């Protein structure tokens, strides 16, 4: 009987030790970990386009004319806003013009236009 009691005591101690280590491991695993997310640096993109247009041709832009910046030989093109958010860039004379604007993704679009 003593051997039986000793065996029961040892088995209960072993079972308790296993339960203790299992709960400790489960407790550590149950703690929420902060997700590691690699974030790319925020950079503004610039898109450059070189275009050669013959006199009389045009380019459509889905922006109001007030959001389009024109520099260079501004006499070479004409901006015609036909709707609240739609503008035609028409080539009217020979010259080089830089037309820039921000698109819907927030990217700066620079058009280097040569009118021939």
C-alpha atoms as a PDB file:
ATOM      1  CA  UNK A   1       0.000   0.000   0.000  1.00  0.00           C
ATOM      2  CA  UNK A   2       2.878   2.343   0.750  1.00  0.00           C
ATOM      3  CA  UNK A   3       4.272   1.733  -2.706  1.00  0.00           C
ATOM      4  CA  UNK A   4       0.873   2.449  -4.242  1.00  0.00           C
ATOM      5  CA  UNK A   5       0.527   5.732  -2.333  1.00  0.00           C
ATOM      6  CA  UNK A   6       4.077   6.700  -3.233  1.00  0.00           C
ATOM      7  CA  UNK A   7       3.375   5.955  -6.903  1.00  0.00           C
ATOM      8  CA  UNK A   8       0.152   7.995  -6.793  1.00  0.00           C
ATOM      9  CA  UNK A   9       1.923  10.909  -5.127  1.00  0.00           C
ATOM     10  CA  UNK A  10       4.741  10.858  -7.681  1.00  0.00           C
ATOM     11  CA  UNK A  11       2.310  10.615 -10.586  1.00  0.00           C
ATOM     12  CA  UNK A  12       0.250  13.521  -9.217  1.00  0.00           C
ATOM     13  CA  UNK A  13       3.442  15.555  -8.749  1.00  0.00           C
ATOM     14  CA  UNK A  14       4.530  14.760 -12.309  1.00  0.00           C
ATOM     15  CA  UNK A  15       1.078  15.617 -13.647  1.00  0.00           C
ATOM     16  CA  UNK A  16       1.109  18.892 -11.702  1.00  0.00           C
ATOM     17  CA  UNK A  17       4.549  19.756 -13.059  1.00  0.00           C
ATOM     18  CA  UNK A  18       3.410  19.058 -16.605  1.00  0.00           C
ATOM     19  CA  UNK A  19       0.278  21.160 -16.121  1.00  0.00           C
ATOM     20  CA  UNK A  20       2.341  23.988 -14.618  1.00  0.00           C
ATOM     21  CA  UNK A  21       4.763  24.096 -17.533  1.00  0.00           C
ATOM     22  CA  UNK A  22       1.977  23.788 -20.078  1.00  0.00           C
ATOM     23  CA  UNK A  23      -0.015  26.672 -18.561  1.00  0.00           C
ATOM     24  CA  UNK A  24       3.082  28.789 -18.364  1.00  0.00           C
ATOM     25  CA  UNK A  25       3.802  28.170 -22.023  1.00  0.00           C
ATOM     26  CA  UNK A  26       0.169  28.716 -22.974  1.00  0.00           C
ATOM     27  CA  UNK A  27       0.086  31.906 -20.943  1.00  0.00           C
ATOM     28  CA  UNK A  28       3.170  33.241 -22.727  1.00  0.00           C
ATOM     29  CA  UNK A  29       1.706  32.313 -26.090  1.00  0.00           C
ATOM     30  CA  UNK A  30      -1.624  33.892 -25.219  1.00  0.00           C
ATOM     31  CA  UNK A  31      -0.100  37.307 -24.633  1.00  0.00           C
ATOM     32  CA  UNK A  32      -0.819  39.545 -27.628  1.00  0.00           C
ATOM     33  CA  UNK A  33       2.223  40.438 -29.633  1.00  0.00           C
ATOM     34  CA  UNK A  34       2.457  43.633 -31.596  1.00  0.00           C
ATOM     35  CA  UNK A  35       2.484  42.923 -35.315  1.00  0.00           C
ATOM     36  CA  UNK A  36       5.662  43.841 -37.077  1.00  0.00           C
ATOM     37  CA  UNK A  37       4.773  45.709 -40.244  1.00  0.00           C
ATOM     38  CA  UNK A  38       7.496  47.056 -42.481  1.00  0.00           C
ATOM     39  CA  UNK A  39       6.417  50.462 -43.649  1.00  0.00           C
ATOM     40  CA  UNK A  40       7.922  51.966 -46.747  1.00  0.00           C
ATOM     41  CA  UNK A  41       8.977  55.583 -46.467  1.00  0.00           C
ATOM     42  CA  UNK A  42       6.455  58.031 -47.833  1.00  0.00           C
ATOM     43  CA  UNK A  43       7.841  59.466 -51.016  1.00  0.00           C
ATOM     44  CA  UNK A  44       6.179  61.665 -53.551  1.00  0.00           C
ATOM     45  CA  UNK A  45       6.345  60.259 -57.040  1.00  0.00           C
ATOM     46  CA  UNK A  46       7.051  62.443 -60.025  1.00  0.00           C
ATOM     47  CA  UNK A  47       5.984  61.310 -63.470  1.00  0.00           C
ATOM     48  CA  UNK A  48       7.625  63.043 -66.417  1.00  0.00           C
ATOM     49  CA  UNK A  49       6.254  62.799 -69.943  1.00  0.00           C
ATOM     50  CA  UNK A  50       7.948  64.140 -73.086  1.00  0.00           C
ATOM     51  CA  UNK A  51       5.429  64.861 -75.839  1.00  0.00           C
ATOM     52  CA  UNK A  52       5.670  66.295 -79.291  1.00  0.00           C
ATOM     53  CA  UNK A  53       2.393  67.654 -80.618  1.00  0.00           C
ATOM     54  CA  UNK A  54       1.588  69.075 -84.027  1.00  0.00           C
ATOM     55  CA  UNK A  55      -0.287  72.375 -84.110  1.00  0.00           C
ATOM     56  CA  UNK A  56      -4.019  71.721 -83.826  1.00  0.00           C
ATOM     57  CA  UNK A  57      -3.816  68.564 -81.712  1.00  0.00           C
ATOM     58  CA  UNK A  58      -4.907  68.312 -78.079  1.00  0.00           C
ATOM     59  CA  UNK A  59      -4.494  66.353 -74.847  1.00  0.00           C
ATOM     60  CA  UNK A  60      -7.322  65.618 -72.386  1.00  0.00           C
ATOM     61  CA  UNK A  61      -6.763  66.045 -68.634  1.00  0.00           C
ATOM     62  CA  UNK A  62      -9.337  65.107 -65.969  1.00  0.00           C
ATOM     63  CA  UNK A  63      -8.742  68.223 -63.857  1.00  0.00           C
ATOM     64  CA  UNK A  64     -10.072  71.758 -63.721  1.00  0.00           C
ATOM     65  CA  UNK A  65      -7.899  74.304 -65.498  1.00  0.00           C
ATOM     66  CA  UNK A  66      -7.229  76.075 -62.179  1.00  0.00           C
ATOM     67  CA  UNK A  67      -5.172  73.071 -60.971  1.00  0.00           C
ATOM     68  CA  UNK A  68      -2.885  72.992 -64.023  1.00  0.00           C
ATOM     69  CA  UNK A  69       0.385  74.943 -63.948  1.00  0.00           C
ATOM     70  CA  UNK A  70       1.843  76.125 -67.257  1.00  0.00           C
ATOM     71  CA  UNK A  71       5.331  77.572 -67.789  1.00  0.00           C
ATOM     72  CA  UNK A  72       7.566  78.244 -70.751  1.00  0.00           C
ATOM     73  CA  UNK A  73       6.146  79.417 -74.066  1.00  0.00           C
ATOM     74  CA  UNK A  74       2.599  79.714 -72.742  1.00  0.00           C
ATOM     75  CA  UNK A  75       1.390  81.138 -76.056  1.00  0.00           C
ATOM     76  CA  UNK A  76       1.972  77.706 -77.645  1.00  0.00           C
ATOM     77  CA  UNK A  77      -0.994  76.066 -75.919  1.00  0.00           C
ATOM     78  CA  UNK A  78      -4.528  76.919 -74.914  1.00  0.00           C
ATOM     79  CA  UNK A  79      -6.422  75.450 -71.950  1.00  0.00           C
ATOM     80  CA  UNK A  80     -10.115  74.800 -72.650  1.00  0.00           C
ATOM     81  CA  UNK A  81     -12.161  73.671 -69.677  1.00  0.00           C
ATOM     82  CA  UNK A  82     -15.240  71.909 -71.066  1.00  0.00           C
ATOM     83  CA  UNK A  83     -16.591  70.511 -67.767  1.00  0.00           C
ATOM     84  CA  UNK A  84     -15.941  71.196 -64.071  1.00  0.00           C
ATOM     85  CA  UNK A  85     -13.273  68.457 -63.915  1.00  0.00           C
ATOM     86  CA  UNK A  86     -12.161  68.176 -67.534  1.00  0.00           C
ATOM     87  CA  UNK A  87      -9.698  70.307 -69.489  1.00  0.00           C
ATOM     88  CA  UNK A  88      -8.313  70.104 -73.018  1.00  0.00           C
ATOM     89  CA  UNK A  89      -4.735  71.247 -73.635  1.00  0.00           C
ATOM     90  CA  UNK A  90      -4.677  72.420 -77.268  1.00  0.00           C
ATOM     91  CA  UNK A  91      -1.517  73.100 -79.253  1.00  0.00           C
ATOM     92  CA  UNK A  92      -1.990  76.415 -81.075  1.00  0.00           C
ATOM     93  CA  UNK A  93       1.542  77.652 -81.972  1.00  0.00           C
ATOM     94  CA  UNK A  94       5.082  76.336 -82.144  1.00  0.00           C
ATOM     95  CA  UNK A  95       7.058  76.375 -78.903  1.00  0.00           C
ATOM     96  CA  UNK A  96       8.068  74.412 -75.786  1.00  0.00           C
ATOM     97  CA  UNK A  97       5.796  74.345 -72.750  1.00  0.00           C
ATOM     98  CA  UNK A  98       5.920  72.619 -69.378  1.00  0.00           C
ATOM     99  CA  UNK A  99       2.509  71.616 -68.047  1.00  0.00           C
ATOM    100  CA  UNK A 100       2.352  70.167 -64.534  1.00  0.00           C
ATOM    101  CA  UNK A 101      -0.413  69.012 -62.206  1.00  0.00           C
ATOM    102  CA  UNK A 102      -1.125  66.506 -59.422  1.00  0.00           C
ATOM    103  CA  UNK A 103      -3.085  63.438 -60.473  1.00  0.00           C
ATOM    104  CA  UNK A 104      -5.726  61.656 -58.357  1.00  0.00           C
ATOM    105  CA  UNK A 105      -3.037  59.552 -56.625  1.00  0.00           C
ATOM    106  CA  UNK A 106      -1.164  62.639 -55.454  1.00  0.00           C
ATOM    107  CA  UNK A 107       1.684  62.147 -57.927  1.00  0.00           C
ATOM    108  CA  UNK A 108       3.182  65.159 -59.663  1.00  0.00           C
ATOM    109  CA  UNK A 109       2.827  64.795 -63.433  1.00  0.00           C
ATOM    110  CA  UNK A 110       5.120  66.972 -65.551  1.00  0.00           C
ATOM    111  CA  UNK A 111       4.463  67.132 -69.292  1.00  0.00           C
ATOM    112  CA  UNK A 112       7.266  68.591 -71.393  1.00  0.00           C
ATOM    113  CA  UNK A 113       5.375  69.506 -74.548  1.00  0.00           C
ATOM    114  CA  UNK A 114       7.039  70.588 -77.777  1.00  0.00           C
ATOM    115  CA  UNK A 115       4.574  71.986 -80.297  1.00  0.00           C
ATOM    116  CA  UNK A 116       5.768  71.654 -83.914  1.00  0.00           C
END
